[in-house]
PDB file of all heavy atoms in Angstrom:
ATOM      1  N   ASP A   1     115.768  16.226  86.393  1.00  0.00           N
ATOM      2  CA  ASP A   1     116.579  16.003  87.558  1.00  0.00           C
ATOM      3  C   ASP A   1     117.636  17.001  87.754  1.00  0.00           C
ATOM      4  O   ASP A   1     117.952  17.377  88.999  1.00  0.00           O
ATOM      5  CB  ASP A   1     117.463  14.683  87.314  1.00  0.00           C
ATOM      6  CG  ASP A   1     116.601  13.445  87.344  1.00  0.00           C
ATOM      7  OD1 ASP A   1     115.469  13.554  88.013  1.00  0.00           O
ATOM      8  OD2 ASP A   1     117.046  12.363  86.933  1.00  0.00           O
ATOM      9  N   SER A   2     118.050  17.713  86.921  1.00  0.00           N
ATOM     10  CA  SER A   2     119.118  18.642  87.165  1.00  0.00           C
ATOM     11  C   SER A   2     118.742  19.947  87.742  1.00  0.00           C
ATOM     12  O   SER A   2     119.499  20.846  88.278  1.00  0.00           O
ATOM     13  CB  SER A   2     119.996  19.133  85.832  1.00  0.00           C
ATOM     14  OG  SER A   2     119.048  19.856  85.047  1.00  0.00           O
ATOM     15  N   VAL A   3     117.388  20.133  87.749  1.00  0.00           N
ATOM     16  CA  VAL A   3     116.775  21.351  88.484  1.00  0.00           C
ATOM     17  C   VAL A   3     116.070  21.095  89.790  1.00  0.00           C
ATOM     18  O   VAL A   3     115.566  22.002  90.410  1.00  0.00           O
ATOM     19  CB  VAL A   3     115.918  22.088  87.448  1.00  0.00           C
ATOM     20  CG1 VAL A   3     116.609  22.408  86.023  1.00  0.00           C
ATOM     21  CG2 VAL A   3     114.623  21.484  87.258  1.00  0.00           C
ATOM     22  N   LYS A   4     115.924  19.874  90.100  1.00  0.00           N
ATOM     23  CA  LYS A   4     115.361  19.536  91.370  1.00  0.00           C
ATOM     24  C   LYS A   4     115.857  20.158  92.520  1.00  0.00           C
ATOM     25  O   LYS A   4     117.256  20.081  92.679  1.00  0.00           O
ATOM     26  CB  LYS A   4     115.317  17.936  91.500  1.00  0.00           C
ATOM     27  CG  LYS A   4     114.191  17.253  90.648  1.00  0.00           C
ATOM     28  CD  LYS A   4     114.293  15.707  90.866  1.00  0.00           C
ATOM     29  CE  LYS A   4     113.207  14.984  89.913  1.00  0.00           C
ATOM     30  NZ  LYS A   4     113.342  13.580  90.173  1.00  0.00           N
ATOM     31  N   GLY A   5     115.151  20.770  93.408  1.00  0.00           N
ATOM     32  CA  GLY A   5     115.726  21.429  94.537  1.00  0.00           C
ATOM     33  C   GLY A   5     116.062  22.814  94.289  1.00  0.00           C
ATOM     34  O   GLY A   5     116.372  23.522  95.260  1.00  0.00           O
ATOM     35  N   ARG A   6     116.175  23.265  93.002  1.00  0.00           N
ATOM     36  CA  ARG A   6     116.537  24.583  92.797  1.00  0.00           C
ATOM     37  C   ARG A   6     115.491  25.363  92.118  1.00  0.00           C
ATOM     38  O   ARG A   6     115.340  26.557  92.280  1.00  0.00           O
ATOM     39  CB  ARG A   6     117.774  24.615  91.754  1.00  0.00           C
ATOM     40  CG  ARG A   6     119.168  23.866  92.263  1.00  0.00           C
ATOM     41  CD  ARG A   6     120.250  24.156  91.417  1.00  0.00           C
ATOM     42  NE  ARG A   6     120.079  23.589  90.062  1.00  0.00           N
ATOM     43  CZ  ARG A   6     120.094  24.266  88.933  1.00  0.00           C
ATOM     44  NH1 ARG A   6     120.426  25.624  89.017  1.00  0.00           N
ATOM     45  NH2 ARG A   6     119.950  23.597  87.750  1.00  0.00           N
ATOM     46  N   PHE A   7     114.667  24.722  91.246  1.00  0.00           N
ATOM     47  CA  PHE A   7     113.566  25.341  90.586  1.00  0.00           C
ATOM     48  C   PHE A   7     112.218  24.870  91.211  1.00  0.00           C
ATOM     49  O   PHE A   7     112.080  23.839  91.594  1.00  0.00           O
ATOM     50  CB  PHE A   7     113.545  25.030  89.042  1.00  0.00           C
ATOM     51  CG  PHE A   7     114.642  25.467  88.225  1.00  0.00           C
ATOM     52  CD1 PHE A   7     115.770  26.170  88.863  1.00  0.00           C
ATOM     53  CD2 PHE A   7     114.652  25.408  86.861  1.00  0.00           C
ATOM     54  CE1 PHE A   7     116.827  26.546  88.075  1.00  0.00           C
ATOM     55  CE2 PHE A   7     115.634  25.903  86.164  1.00  0.00           C
ATOM     56  CZ  PHE A   7     116.738  26.429  86.676  1.00  0.00           C
ATOM     57  N   THR A   8     111.163  25.820  91.192  1.00  0.00           N
ATOM     58  CA  THR A   8     109.720  25.486  91.666  1.00  0.00           C
ATOM     59  C   THR A   8     108.935  26.119  90.668  1.00  0.00           C
ATOM     60  O   THR A   8     108.855  27.296  90.325  1.00  0.00           O
ATOM     61  CB  THR A   8     109.657  26.137  93.031  1.00  0.00           C
ATOM     62  OG1 THR A   8     110.561  25.691  94.006  1.00  0.00           O
ATOM     63  CG2 THR A   8     108.209  25.844  93.553  1.00  0.00           C
ATOM     64  N   ILE A   9     107.978  25.289  90.200  1.00  0.00           N
ATOM     65  CA  ILE A   9     106.972  25.671  89.225  1.00  0.00           C
ATOM     66  C   ILE A   9     105.628  25.827  90.058  1.00  0.00           C
ATOM     67  O   ILE A   9     105.415  25.110  91.076  1.00  0.00           O
ATOM     68  CB  ILE A   9     106.753  24.626  88.164  1.00  0.00           C
ATOM     69  CG1 ILE A   9     105.910  25.170  87.030  1.00  0.00           C
ATOM     70  CG2 ILE A   9     106.237  23.284  88.658  1.00  0.00           C
ATOM     71  CD1 ILE A   9     105.707  24.410  85.748  1.00  0.00           C
ATOM     72  N   SER A  10     104.909  26.954  89.746  1.00  0.00           N
ATOM     73  CA  SER A  10     103.659  27.272  90.316  1.00  0.00           C
ATOM     74  C   SER A  10     102.775  27.799  89.325  1.00  0.00           C
ATOM     75  O   SER A  10     103.061  28.276  88.251  1.00  0.00           O
ATOM     76  CB  SER A  10     103.834  28.094  91.512  1.00  0.00           C
ATOM     77  OG  SER A  10     104.434  29.385  91.004  1.00  0.00           O
ATOM     78  N   ARG A  11     101.397  27.748  89.606  1.00  0.00           N
ATOM     79  CA  ARG A  11     100.358  28.302  88.790  1.00  0.00           C
ATOM     80  C   ARG A  11      99.314  29.064  89.528  1.00  0.00           C
ATOM     81  O   ARG A  11      99.055  28.696  90.729  1.00  0.00           O
ATOM     82  CB  ARG A  11      99.690  27.307  87.935  1.00  0.00           C
ATOM     83  CG  ARG A  11      98.985  26.404  88.545  1.00  0.00           C
ATOM     84  CD  ARG A  11      98.596  25.030  87.677  1.00  0.00           C
ATOM     85  NE  ARG A  11      97.687  25.589  86.532  1.00  0.00           N
ATOM     86  CZ  ARG A  11      97.567  24.852  85.371  1.00  0.00           C
ATOM     87  NH1 ARG A  11      98.252  23.781  85.152  1.00  0.00           N
ATOM     88  NH2 ARG A  11      96.696  25.397  84.484  1.00  0.00           N
ATOM     89  N   ASP A  12      98.629  30.001  88.800  1.00  0.00           N
ATOM     90  CA  ASP A  12      97.526  30.718  89.400  1.00  0.00           C
ATOM     91  C   ASP A  12      96.465  30.641  88.425  1.00  0.00           C
ATOM     92  O   ASP A  12      96.433  31.409  87.333  1.00  0.00           O
ATOM     93  CB  ASP A  12      97.954  32.106  89.770  1.00  0.00           C
ATOM     94  CG  ASP A  12      96.847  32.889  90.494  1.00  0.00           C
ATOM     95  OD1 ASP A  12      95.672  32.476  90.306  1.00  0.00           O
ATOM     96  OD2 ASP A  12      97.051  33.877  91.150  1.00  0.00           O
ATOM     97  N   ASN A  13      95.540  29.701  88.579  1.00  0.00           N
ATOM     98  CA  ASN A  13      94.465  29.593  87.533  1.00  0.00           C
ATOM     99  C   ASN A  13      93.375  30.883  87.493  1.00  0.00           C
ATOM    100  O   ASN A  13      92.829  31.079  86.475  1.00  0.00           O
ATOM    101  CB  ASN A  13      93.662  28.354  87.890  1.00  0.00           C
ATOM    102  CG  ASN A  13      94.454  27.074  87.552  1.00  0.00           C
ATOM    103  OD1 ASN A  13      95.367  27.060  86.844  1.00  0.00           O
ATOM    104  ND2 ASN A  13      93.923  25.877  88.134  1.00  0.00           N
ATOM    105  N   ALA A  14      93.379  31.604  88.558  1.00  0.00           N
ATOM    106  CA  ALA A  14      92.516  32.770  88.547  1.00  0.00           C
ATOM    107  C   ALA A  14      93.165  33.818  87.598  1.00  0.00           C
ATOM    108  O   ALA A  14      92.432  34.707  86.980  1.00  0.00           O
ATOM    109  CB  ALA A  14      92.403  33.329  89.862  1.00  0.00           C
ATOM    110  N   LYS A  15      94.555  33.845  87.442  1.00  0.00           N
ATOM    111  CA  LYS A  15      95.183  34.885  86.691  1.00  0.00           C
ATOM    112  C   LYS A  15      95.744  34.341  85.370  1.00  0.00           C
ATOM    113  O   LYS A  15      96.413  35.048  84.664  1.00  0.00           O
ATOM    114  CB  LYS A  15      96.296  35.485  87.600  1.00  0.00           C
ATOM    115  CG  LYS A  15      95.840  36.155  88.835  1.00  0.00           C
ATOM    116  CD  LYS A  15      97.009  36.914  89.504  1.00  0.00           C
ATOM    117  CE  LYS A  15      96.513  37.562  90.746  1.00  0.00           C
ATOM    118  NZ  LYS A  15      97.700  38.225  91.598  1.00  0.00           N
ATOM    119  N   ASN A  16      95.506  32.989  85.086  1.00  0.00           N
ATOM    120  CA  ASN A  16      96.009  32.411  83.947  1.00  0.00           C
ATOM    121  C   ASN A  16      97.537  32.521  83.815  1.00  0.00           C
ATOM    122  O   ASN A  16      98.000  32.867  82.733  1.00  0.00           O
ATOM    123  CB  ASN A  16      95.399  32.930  82.651  1.00  0.00           C
ATOM    124  CG  ASN A  16      94.020  32.425  82.503  1.00  0.00           C
ATOM    125  OD1 ASN A  16      93.353  31.791  83.302  1.00  0.00           O
ATOM    126  ND2 ASN A  16      93.286  32.856  81.427  1.00  0.00           N
ATOM    127  N   THR A  17      98.292  32.193  84.891  1.00  0.00           N
ATOM    128  CA  THR A  17      99.596  32.511  84.874  1.00  0.00           C
ATOM    129  C   THR A  17     100.380  31.207  85.421  1.00  0.00           C
ATOM    130  O   THR A  17      99.757  30.527  86.366  1.00  0.00           O
ATOM    131  CB  THR A  17     100.200  33.693  85.576  1.00  0.00           C
ATOM    132  OG1 THR A  17      99.807  33.594  86.941  1.00  0.00           O
ATOM    133  CG2 THR A  17      99.634  34.943  84.980  1.00  0.00           C
ATOM    134  N   VAL A  18     101.447  30.884  84.913  1.00  0.00           N
ATOM    135  CA  VAL A  18     102.429  29.903  85.480  1.00  0.00           C
ATOM    136  C   VAL A  18     103.692  30.522  85.575  1.00  0.00           C
ATOM    137  O   VAL A  18     104.150  31.355  84.765  1.00  0.00           O
ATOM    138  CB  VAL A  18     102.385  28.604  84.448  1.00  0.00           C
ATOM    139  CG1 VAL A  18     102.966  29.033  83.137  1.00  0.00           C
ATOM    140  CG2 VAL A  18     103.298  27.571  85.124  1.00  0.00           C
ATOM    141  N   SER A  19     104.402  30.114  86.727  1.00  0.00           N
ATOM    142  CA  SER A  19     105.708  30.761  87.043  1.00  0.00           C
ATOM    143  C   SER A  19     106.778  29.650  87.310  1.00  0.00           C
ATOM    144  O   SER A  19     106.477  28.571  87.435  1.00  0.00           O
ATOM    145  CB  SER A  19     105.668  31.647  88.323  1.00  0.00           C
ATOM    146  OG  SER A  19     104.655  32.701  88.060  1.00  0.00           O
ATOM    147  N   LEU A  20     108.144  30.034  87.125  1.00  0.00           N
ATOM    148  CA  LEU A  20     109.046  29.277  87.369  1.00  0.00           C
ATOM    149  C   LEU A  20     110.189  30.054  88.231  1.00  0.00           C
ATOM    150  O   LEU A  20     110.792  30.989  87.725  1.00  0.00           O
ATOM    151  CB  LEU A  20     109.771  28.711  86.129  1.00  0.00           C
ATOM    152  CG  LEU A  20     110.918  27.697  86.331  1.00  0.00           C
ATOM    153  CD1 LEU A  20     110.318  26.327  86.887  1.00  0.00           C
ATOM    154  CD2 LEU A  20     111.614  27.481  85.002  1.00  0.00           C
ATOM    155  N   GLN A  21     110.241  29.715  89.426  1.00  0.00           N
ATOM    156  CA  GLN A  21     111.148  30.251  90.452  1.00  0.00           C
ATOM    157  C   GLN A  21     112.488  29.536  90.229  1.00  0.00           C
ATOM    158  O   GLN A  21     112.546  28.370  90.532  1.00  0.00           O
ATOM    159  CB  GLN A  21     110.731  30.365  91.857  1.00  0.00           C
ATOM    160  CG  GLN A  21     111.812  30.853  92.812  1.00  0.00           C
ATOM    161  CD  GLN A  21     111.959  32.270  92.615  1.00  0.00           C
ATOM    162  OE1 GLN A  21     111.036  33.099  92.438  1.00  0.00           O
ATOM    163  NE2 GLN A  21     113.264  32.786  92.702  1.00  0.00           N
ATOM    164  N   MET A  22     113.616  30.194  89.828  1.00  0.00           N
ATOM    165  CA  MET A  22     114.868  29.515  89.545  1.00  0.00           C
ATOM    166  C   MET A  22     115.974  30.089  90.583  1.00  0.00           C
ATOM    167  O   MET A  22     116.165  31.328  90.481  1.00  0.00           O
ATOM    168  CB  MET A  22     115.335  29.804  88.206  1.00  0.00           C
ATOM    169  CG  MET A  22     114.266  29.307  87.086  1.00  0.00           C
ATOM    170  SD  MET A  22     114.833  29.482  85.425  1.00  0.00           S
ATOM    171  CE  MET A  22     115.167  31.199  85.329  1.00  0.00           C
ATOM    172  N   ASN A  23     116.395  29.251  91.363  1.00  0.00           N
ATOM    173  CA  ASN A  23     117.451  29.570  92.442  1.00  0.00           C
ATOM    174  C   ASN A  23     118.685  28.947  92.070  1.00  0.00           C
ATOM    175  O   ASN A  23     118.788  28.008  91.353  1.00  0.00           O
ATOM    176  CB  ASN A  23     116.879  29.203  93.935  1.00  0.00           C
ATOM    177  CG  ASN A  23     115.730  29.977  94.260  1.00  0.00           C
ATOM    178  OD1 ASN A  23     115.416  31.128  93.872  1.00  0.00           O
ATOM    179  ND2 ASN A  23     114.833  29.341  95.085  1.00  0.00           N
ATOM    180  N   SER A  24     119.691  29.500  92.753  1.00  0.00           N
ATOM    181  CA  SER A  24     121.016  28.797  92.582  1.00  0.00           C
ATOM    182  C   SER A  24     121.341  28.574  90.974  1.00  0.00           C
ATOM    183  O   SER A  24     121.853  27.432  90.722  1.00  0.00           O
ATOM    184  CB  SER A  24     121.227  27.434  93.497  1.00  0.00           C
ATOM    185  OG  SER A  24     120.906  27.788  94.807  1.00  0.00           O
ATOM    186  N   LEU A  25     121.211  29.599  90.265  1.00  0.00           N
ATOM    187  CA  LEU A  25     121.391  29.389  88.791  1.00  0.00           C
ATOM    188  C   LEU A  25     122.838  28.989  88.541  1.00  0.00           C
ATOM    189  O   LEU A  25     123.701  29.431  89.166  1.00  0.00           O
ATOM    190  CB  LEU A  25     120.944  30.621  88.072  1.00  0.00           C
ATOM    191  CG  LEU A  25     119.407  30.706  87.998  1.00  0.00           C
ATOM    192  CD1 LEU A  25     118.981  31.998  87.719  1.00  0.00           C
ATOM    193  CD2 LEU A  25     118.936  29.701  86.764  1.00  0.00           C
ATOM    194  N   LYS A  26     122.969  28.148  87.461  1.00  0.00           N
ATOM    195  CA  LYS A  26     124.338  27.754  86.995  1.00  0.00           C
ATOM    196  C   LYS A  26     124.383  28.096  85.563  1.00  0.00           C
ATOM    197  O   LYS A  26     123.454  28.294  84.774  1.00  0.00           O
ATOM    198  CB  LYS A  26     124.368  26.273  87.194  1.00  0.00           C
ATOM    199  CG  LYS A  26     124.192  25.572  88.542  1.00  0.00           C
ATOM    200  CD  LYS A  26     124.185  24.193  88.554  1.00  0.00           C
ATOM    201  CE  LYS A  26     123.924  23.576  89.894  1.00  0.00           C
ATOM    202  NZ  LYS A  26     123.826  22.099  89.943  1.00  0.00           N
ATOM    203  N   PRO A  27     125.654  28.265  85.106  1.00  0.00           N
ATOM    204  CA  PRO A  27     125.871  28.604  83.618  1.00  0.00           C
ATOM    205  C   PRO A  27     125.153  27.572  82.679  1.00  0.00           C
ATOM    206  O   PRO A  27     124.643  28.020  81.675  1.00  0.00           O
ATOM    207  CB  PRO A  27     127.473  28.514  83.458  1.00  0.00           C
ATOM    208  CG  PRO A  27     127.924  28.904  84.762  1.00  0.00           C
ATOM    209  CD  PRO A  27     126.894  28.188  85.806  1.00  0.00           C
TER     210      PRO A  27
END
């Protein structure tokens, strides 16, 4: 809940990678 709207998870199965875009970071 605390990261909804700020973080986005994505994956690329062709490259075997998963990413986490983190915006509006907080302490």
